[in-house]
């Protein structure tokens, strides 16, 4: 797939596609009718052109996408120096059935998790009967604070400063990261 905003950026395209191929979860961001954001993690299948997922037909994300097809995806590992991709996209309700989506690869990807949750393919297909197709229109491959060599699909993630290390003796000095940050617990 070629990024329509950066044609010829094969390295960025390969990186985003590798994240979509290897990650288990993608975060879907939609907009509610009143303008408030809605963000949710989902199981998904990347088919090379689009992200496909199954949902409950009356789920908030589906209602939001029916009202406004524009959405955003985030995929990757934020703990690996923010090795993530932010993907702008347009969603559409797919004509394929959930059983077809499971057969296309969703069951191979999540079958073990489904079994652990005591979720049969029949129950999954009945409960999550709306298939949604999300087509990327633009993306931004993203990484953290470190300077690193251009991304290669076979490269291991570089070592990163973990957020909990920013105030510790393990973290670099002020000249490396700027003023130290005090992390506050989540509310």
C-alpha atoms as a PDB file:
ATOM      1  CA  UNK A   1       0.000   0.000   0.000  1.00  0.00           C
ATOM      2  CA  UNK A   2       1.292   3.484  -0.784  1.00  0.00           C
ATOM      3  CA  UNK A   3       0.628   6.436   1.491  1.00  0.00           C
ATOM      4  CA  UNK A   4      -1.424   8.848  -0.638  1.00  0.00           C
ATOM      5  CA  UNK A   5       0.153  11.790   1.170  1.00  0.00           C
ATOM      6  CA  UNK A   6       3.744  10.576   0.626  1.00  0.00           C
ATOM      7  CA  UNK A   7       3.945   8.575  -2.601  1.00  0.00           C
ATOM      8  CA  UNK A   8       7.166   6.659  -2.992  1.00  0.00           C
ATOM      9  CA  UNK A   9       7.784   6.365   0.760  1.00  0.00           C
ATOM     10  CA  UNK A  10       8.315   2.620   0.618  1.00  0.00           C
ATOM     11  CA  UNK A  11      10.144   2.480   3.978  1.00  0.00           C
ATOM     12  CA  UNK A  12       7.257   4.185   5.799  1.00  0.00           C
ATOM     13  CA  UNK A  13       4.735   1.993   3.994  1.00  0.00           C
ATOM     14  CA  UNK A  14       6.617  -1.174   4.889  1.00  0.00           C
ATOM     15  CA  UNK A  15       6.909  -0.115   8.514  1.00  0.00           C
ATOM     16  CA  UNK A  16       3.189   0.619   8.888  1.00  0.00           C
ATOM     17  CA  UNK A  17       2.233  -2.613   7.143  1.00  0.00           C
ATOM     18  CA  UNK A  18       4.592  -4.607   9.381  1.00  0.00           C
ATOM     19  CA  UNK A  19       2.933  -3.101  12.469  1.00  0.00           C
ATOM     20  CA  UNK A  20      -0.498  -3.951  11.066  1.00  0.00           C
ATOM     21  CA  UNK A  21       0.656  -7.506  10.317  1.00  0.00           C
ATOM     22  CA  UNK A  22       2.267  -8.241  13.689  1.00  0.00           C
ATOM     23  CA  UNK A  23       0.247  -6.395  16.334  1.00  0.00           C
ATOM     24  CA  UNK A  24      -2.698  -8.014  18.121  1.00  0.00           C
ATOM     25  CA  UNK A  25      -4.611  -4.843  18.932  1.00  0.00           C
ATOM     26  CA  UNK A  26      -5.373  -1.661  17.054  1.00  0.00           C
ATOM     27  CA  UNK A  27      -6.916   1.371  18.756  1.00  0.00           C
ATOM     28  CA  UNK A  28      -9.872   2.866  16.878  1.00  0.00           C
ATOM     29  CA  UNK A  29     -10.826   6.483  17.441  1.00  0.00           C
ATOM     30  CA  UNK A  30     -14.218   7.746  16.278  1.00  0.00           C
ATOM     31  CA  UNK A  31     -16.277  10.863  16.983  1.00  0.00           C
ATOM     32  CA  UNK A  32     -19.636  10.770  18.751  1.00  0.00           C
ATOM     33  CA  UNK A  33     -22.506  12.840  17.320  1.00  0.00           C
ATOM     34  CA  UNK A  34     -21.983  15.459  20.060  1.00  0.00           C
ATOM     35  CA  UNK A  35     -18.313  15.844  19.036  1.00  0.00           C
ATOM     36  CA  UNK A  36     -16.743  13.920  21.918  1.00  0.00           C
ATOM     37  CA  UNK A  37     -14.063  11.365  21.003  1.00  0.00           C
ATOM     38  CA  UNK A  38     -14.536   7.638  21.440  1.00  0.00           C
ATOM     39  CA  UNK A  39     -11.435   5.415  21.655  1.00  0.00           C
ATOM     40  CA  UNK A  40     -11.473   1.636  21.873  1.00  0.00           C
ATOM     41  CA  UNK A  41      -9.054  -1.288  21.394  1.00  0.00           C
ATOM     42  CA  UNK A  42     -10.174  -3.876  18.864  1.00  0.00           C
ATOM     43  CA  UNK A  43      -9.160  -7.228  17.424  1.00  0.00           C
ATOM     44  CA  UNK A  44      -8.555  -6.807  13.725  1.00  0.00           C
ATOM     45  CA  UNK A  45      -7.349  -8.345  10.510  1.00  0.00           C
ATOM     46  CA  UNK A  46      -5.142  -6.457   8.048  1.00  0.00           C
ATOM     47  CA  UNK A  47      -5.801  -7.694   4.502  1.00  0.00           C
ATOM     48  CA  UNK A  48      -3.141  -5.555   2.791  1.00  0.00           C
ATOM     49  CA  UNK A  49      -5.587  -2.786   1.879  1.00  0.00           C
ATOM     50  CA  UNK A  50      -7.857  -2.343   4.877  1.00  0.00           C
ATOM     51  CA  UNK A  51      -8.321  -3.123   8.562  1.00  0.00           C
ATOM     52  CA  UNK A  52     -11.308  -5.406   9.098  1.00  0.00           C
ATOM     53  CA  UNK A  53     -13.030  -6.010  12.411  1.00  0.00           C
ATOM     54  CA  UNK A  54     -16.261  -7.472  13.727  1.00  0.00           C
ATOM     55  CA  UNK A  55     -18.457  -5.578  16.152  1.00  0.00           C
ATOM     56  CA  UNK A  56     -21.788  -5.695  17.873  1.00  0.00           C
ATOM     57  CA  UNK A  57     -24.113  -3.935  15.391  1.00  0.00           C
ATOM     58  CA  UNK A  58     -25.366  -1.460  18.011  1.00  0.00           C
ATOM     59  CA  UNK A  59     -21.933  -0.636  19.469  1.00  0.00           C
ATOM     60  CA  UNK A  60     -21.018   3.014  19.949  1.00  0.00           C
ATOM     61  CA  UNK A  61     -18.140   2.747  17.439  1.00  0.00           C
ATOM     62  CA  UNK A  62     -20.484   1.438  14.726  1.00  0.00           C
ATOM     63  CA  UNK A  63     -23.060   4.172  15.393  1.00  0.00           C
ATOM     64  CA  UNK A  64     -20.287   6.773  15.260  1.00  0.00           C
ATOM     65  CA  UNK A  65     -18.953   5.396  11.965  1.00  0.00           C
ATOM     66  CA  UNK A  66     -22.444   5.344  10.462  1.00  0.00           C
ATOM     67  CA  UNK A  67     -22.701   9.078  11.237  1.00  0.00           C
ATOM     68  CA  UNK A  68     -19.153   9.974  10.257  1.00  0.00           C
ATOM     69  CA  UNK A  69     -16.907   7.577   8.363  1.00  0.00           C
ATOM     70  CA  UNK A  70     -13.690   9.451   9.216  1.00  0.00           C
ATOM     71  CA  UNK A  71     -11.709   7.752  11.946  1.00  0.00           C
ATOM     72  CA  UNK A  72      -8.189   7.170  13.171  1.00  0.00           C
ATOM     73  CA  UNK A  73      -6.237   4.054  14.124  1.00  0.00           C
ATOM     74  CA  UNK A  74      -3.189   3.675  16.328  1.00  0.00           C
ATOM     75  CA  UNK A  75      -1.109   0.513  16.208  1.00  0.00           C
ATOM     76  CA  UNK A  76       2.260  -0.494  17.584  1.00  0.00           C
ATOM     77  CA  UNK A  77       4.198  -0.774  20.794  1.00  0.00           C
ATOM     78  CA  UNK A  78       4.494   2.454  22.797  1.00  0.00           C
ATOM     79  CA  UNK A  79       6.951   0.822  25.194  1.00  0.00           C
ATOM     80  CA  UNK A  80       9.395   0.150  22.342  1.00  0.00           C
ATOM     81  CA  UNK A  81      10.382   3.804  22.001  1.00  0.00           C
ATOM     82  CA  UNK A  82       6.896   4.682  20.777  1.00  0.00           C
ATOM     83  CA  UNK A  83       7.188   2.435  17.734  1.00  0.00           C
ATOM     84  CA  UNK A  84       3.663   3.185  16.555  1.00  0.00           C
ATOM     85  CA  UNK A  85       1.758   4.277  13.497  1.00  0.00           C
ATOM     86  CA  UNK A  86      -1.097   6.775  13.528  1.00  0.00           C
ATOM     87  CA  UNK A  87      -3.439   6.093  10.634  1.00  0.00           C
ATOM     88  CA  UNK A  88      -6.147   8.367   9.293  1.00  0.00           C
ATOM     89  CA  UNK A  89      -8.875   6.334   7.600  1.00  0.00           C
ATOM     90  CA  UNK A  90     -12.432   6.066   6.301  1.00  0.00           C
ATOM     91  CA  UNK A  91     -14.706   3.293   7.457  1.00  0.00           C
ATOM     92  CA  UNK A  92     -17.514   1.487   5.718  1.00  0.00           C
ATOM     93  CA  UNK A  93     -19.848  -1.305   6.731  1.00  0.00           C
ATOM     94  CA  UNK A  94     -18.546  -4.390   4.948  1.00  0.00           C
ATOM     95  CA  UNK A  95     -20.656  -6.820   2.978  1.00  0.00           C
ATOM     96  CA  UNK A  96     -18.713  -9.847   4.239  1.00  0.00           C
ATOM     97  CA  UNK A  97     -20.086 -11.874   7.145  1.00  0.00           C
ATOM     98  CA  UNK A  98     -18.294 -12.429  10.426  1.00  0.00           C
ATOM     99  CA  UNK A  99     -17.906 -16.114   9.514  1.00  0.00           C
ATOM    100  CA  UNK A 100     -16.124 -15.036   6.312  1.00  0.00           C
ATOM    101  CA  UNK A 101     -13.890 -12.683   8.335  1.00  0.00           C
ATOM    102  CA  UNK A 102     -13.042 -15.480  10.763  1.00  0.00           C
ATOM    103  CA  UNK A 103     -12.180 -17.760   7.842  1.00  0.00           C
ATOM    104  CA  UNK A 104     -10.089 -15.008   6.187  1.00  0.00           C
ATOM    105  CA  UNK A 105      -7.694 -15.015   9.143  1.00  0.00           C
ATOM    106  CA  UNK A 106      -9.329 -13.550  12.246  1.00  0.00           C
ATOM    107  CA  UNK A 107      -9.833 -17.019  13.768  1.00  0.00           C
ATOM    108  CA  UNK A 108      -6.208 -17.988  13.086  1.00  0.00           C
ATOM    109  CA  UNK A 109      -5.062 -14.761  14.750  1.00  0.00           C
ATOM    110  CA  UNK A 110      -7.382 -14.825  17.801  1.00  0.00           C
ATOM    111  CA  UNK A 111      -8.561 -18.442  18.089  1.00  0.00           C
ATOM    112  CA  UNK A 112      -6.489 -19.126  21.202  1.00  0.00           C
ATOM    113  CA  UNK A 113      -7.800 -15.981  22.912  1.00  0.00           C
ATOM    114  CA  UNK A 114     -11.357 -16.899  21.936  1.00  0.00           C
ATOM    115  CA  UNK A 115     -10.948 -20.391  23.410  1.00  0.00           C
ATOM    116  CA  UNK A 116      -9.477 -18.924  26.614  1.00  0.00           C
ATOM    117  CA  UNK A 117     -12.570 -16.707  26.896  1.00  0.00           C
ATOM    118  CA  UNK A 118     -14.801 -19.745  26.202  1.00  0.00           C
ATOM    119  CA  UNK A 119     -16.047 -18.009  23.055  1.00  0.00           C
ATOM    120  CA  UNK A 120     -17.040 -20.306  20.179  1.00  0.00           C
ATOM    121  CA  UNK A 121     -16.922 -19.158  16.564  1.00  0.00           C
ATOM    122  CA  UNK A 122     -20.724 -19.405  16.442  1.00  0.00           C
ATOM    123  CA  UNK A 123     -21.171 -17.225  19.519  1.00  0.00           C
ATOM    124  CA  UNK A 124     -18.562 -14.767  18.252  1.00  0.00           C
ATOM    125  CA  UNK A 125     -20.247 -14.533  14.824  1.00  0.00           C
ATOM    126  CA  UNK A 126     -23.676 -14.092  16.372  1.00  0.00           C
ATOM    127  CA  UNK A 127     -22.552 -11.461  18.907  1.00  0.00           C
ATOM    128  CA  UNK A 128     -20.163  -9.523  16.633  1.00  0.00           C
ATOM    129  CA  UNK A 129     -22.223  -9.711  13.450  1.00  0.00           C
ATOM    130  CA  UNK A 130     -21.293  -6.345  11.918  1.00  0.00           C
ATOM    131  CA  UNK A 131     -18.059  -6.374   9.924  1.00  0.00           C
ATOM    132  CA  UNK A 132     -16.424  -2.979   9.413  1.00  0.00           C
ATOM    133  CA  UNK A 133     -13.792  -2.196   6.787  1.00  0.00           C
ATOM    134  CA  UNK A 134     -11.404   0.672   7.577  1.00  0.00           C
ATOM    135  CA  UNK A 135      -9.359   1.972   4.642  1.00  0.00           C
ATOM    136  CA  UNK A 136      -6.252   4.037   5.457  1.00  0.00           C
ATOM    137  CA  UNK A 137      -6.017   7.400   3.700  1.00  0.00           C
ATOM    138  CA  UNK A 138      -2.866   8.711   5.390  1.00  0.00           C
ATOM    139  CA  UNK A 139      -0.463   7.669   8.136  1.00  0.00           C
ATOM    140  CA  UNK A 140       2.283   8.914  10.324  1.00  0.00           C
ATOM    141  CA  UNK A 141       4.917   6.382  11.423  1.00  0.00           C
ATOM    142  CA  UNK A 142       5.988   7.570  14.866  1.00  0.00           C
ATOM    143  CA  UNK A 143       8.902   6.891  17.161  1.00  0.00           C
ATOM    144  CA  UNK A 144      10.127   8.293  20.437  1.00  0.00           C
ATOM    145  CA  UNK A 145      13.009  10.353  21.684  1.00  0.00           C
ATOM    146  CA  UNK A 146      15.928   8.434  20.266  1.00  0.00           C
ATOM    147  CA  UNK A 147      17.615   9.108  16.974  1.00  0.00           C
ATOM    148  CA  UNK A 148      17.793   5.870  15.128  1.00  0.00           C
ATOM    149  CA  UNK A 149      18.750   4.471  11.780  1.00  0.00           C
ATOM    150  CA  UNK A 150      16.011   4.247   9.165  1.00  0.00           C
ATOM    151  CA  UNK A 151      13.492   1.572  10.025  1.00  0.00           C
ATOM    152  CA  UNK A 152      14.070  -1.930   8.690  1.00  0.00           C
ATOM    153  CA  UNK A 153      11.408  -4.672   8.903  1.00  0.00           C
ATOM    154  CA  UNK A 154      13.953  -7.172  10.266  1.00  0.00           C
ATOM    155  CA  UNK A 155      15.380  -4.829  12.925  1.00  0.00           C
ATOM    156  CA  UNK A 156      14.739  -5.300  16.609  1.00  0.00           C
ATOM    157  CA  UNK A 157      13.286  -2.276  18.463  1.00  0.00           C
ATOM    158  CA  UNK A 158      15.976  -0.048  19.930  1.00  0.00           C
ATOM    159  CA  UNK A 159      16.366   0.253  23.673  1.00  0.00           C
ATOM    160  CA  UNK A 160      14.294   3.116  24.975  1.00  0.00           C
ATOM    161  CA  UNK A 161      14.030   5.161  28.119  1.00  0.00           C
ATOM    162  CA  UNK A 162      10.980   3.822  29.883  1.00  0.00           C
ATOM    163  CA  UNK A 163       8.593   6.431  31.328  1.00  0.00           C
ATOM    164  CA  UNK A 164       9.131   5.131  34.878  1.00  0.00           C
ATOM    165  CA  UNK A 165      12.894   5.696  34.497  1.00  0.00           C
ATOM    166  CA  UNK A 166      12.621   9.458  33.931  1.00  0.00           C
ATOM    167  CA  UNK A 167      13.035  10.250  37.627  1.00  0.00           C
ATOM    168  CA  UNK A 168      15.352   7.408  38.491  1.00  0.00           C
ATOM    169  CA  UNK A 169      19.097   7.131  38.686  1.00  0.00           C
ATOM    170  CA  UNK A 170      18.925   5.026  35.501  1.00  0.00           C
ATOM    171  CA  UNK A 171      17.689   7.920  33.384  1.00  0.00           C
ATOM    172  CA  UNK A 172      19.971  10.185  31.381  1.00  0.00           C
ATOM    173  CA  UNK A 173      20.954  13.584  32.670  1.00  0.00           C
ATOM    174  CA  UNK A 174      19.065  16.776  32.002  1.00  0.00           C
ATOM    175  CA  UNK A 175      21.163  17.548  28.947  1.00  0.00           C
ATOM    176  CA  UNK A 176      19.961  14.321  27.320  1.00  0.00           C
ATOM    177  CA  UNK A 177      16.209  14.685  27.805  1.00  0.00           C
ATOM    178  CA  UNK A 178      15.646  18.206  29.065  1.00  0.00           C
ATOM    179  CA  UNK A 179      14.215  18.853  32.528  1.00  0.00           C
ATOM    180  CA  UNK A 180      13.197  15.743  34.429  1.00  0.00           C
ATOM    181  CA  UNK A 181       9.528  14.963  34.524  1.00  0.00           C
ATOM    182  CA  UNK A 182       7.655  13.872  37.624  1.00  0.00           C
ATOM    183  CA  UNK A 183       5.116  11.217  36.743  1.00  0.00           C
ATOM    184  CA  UNK A 184       1.817  11.366  38.548  1.00  0.00           C
ATOM    185  CA  UNK A 185      -0.420   8.353  39.076  1.00  0.00           C
ATOM    186  CA  UNK A 186      -3.470   8.056  36.846  1.00  0.00           C
ATOM    187  CA  UNK A 187      -6.758   9.103  38.362  1.00  0.00           C
END
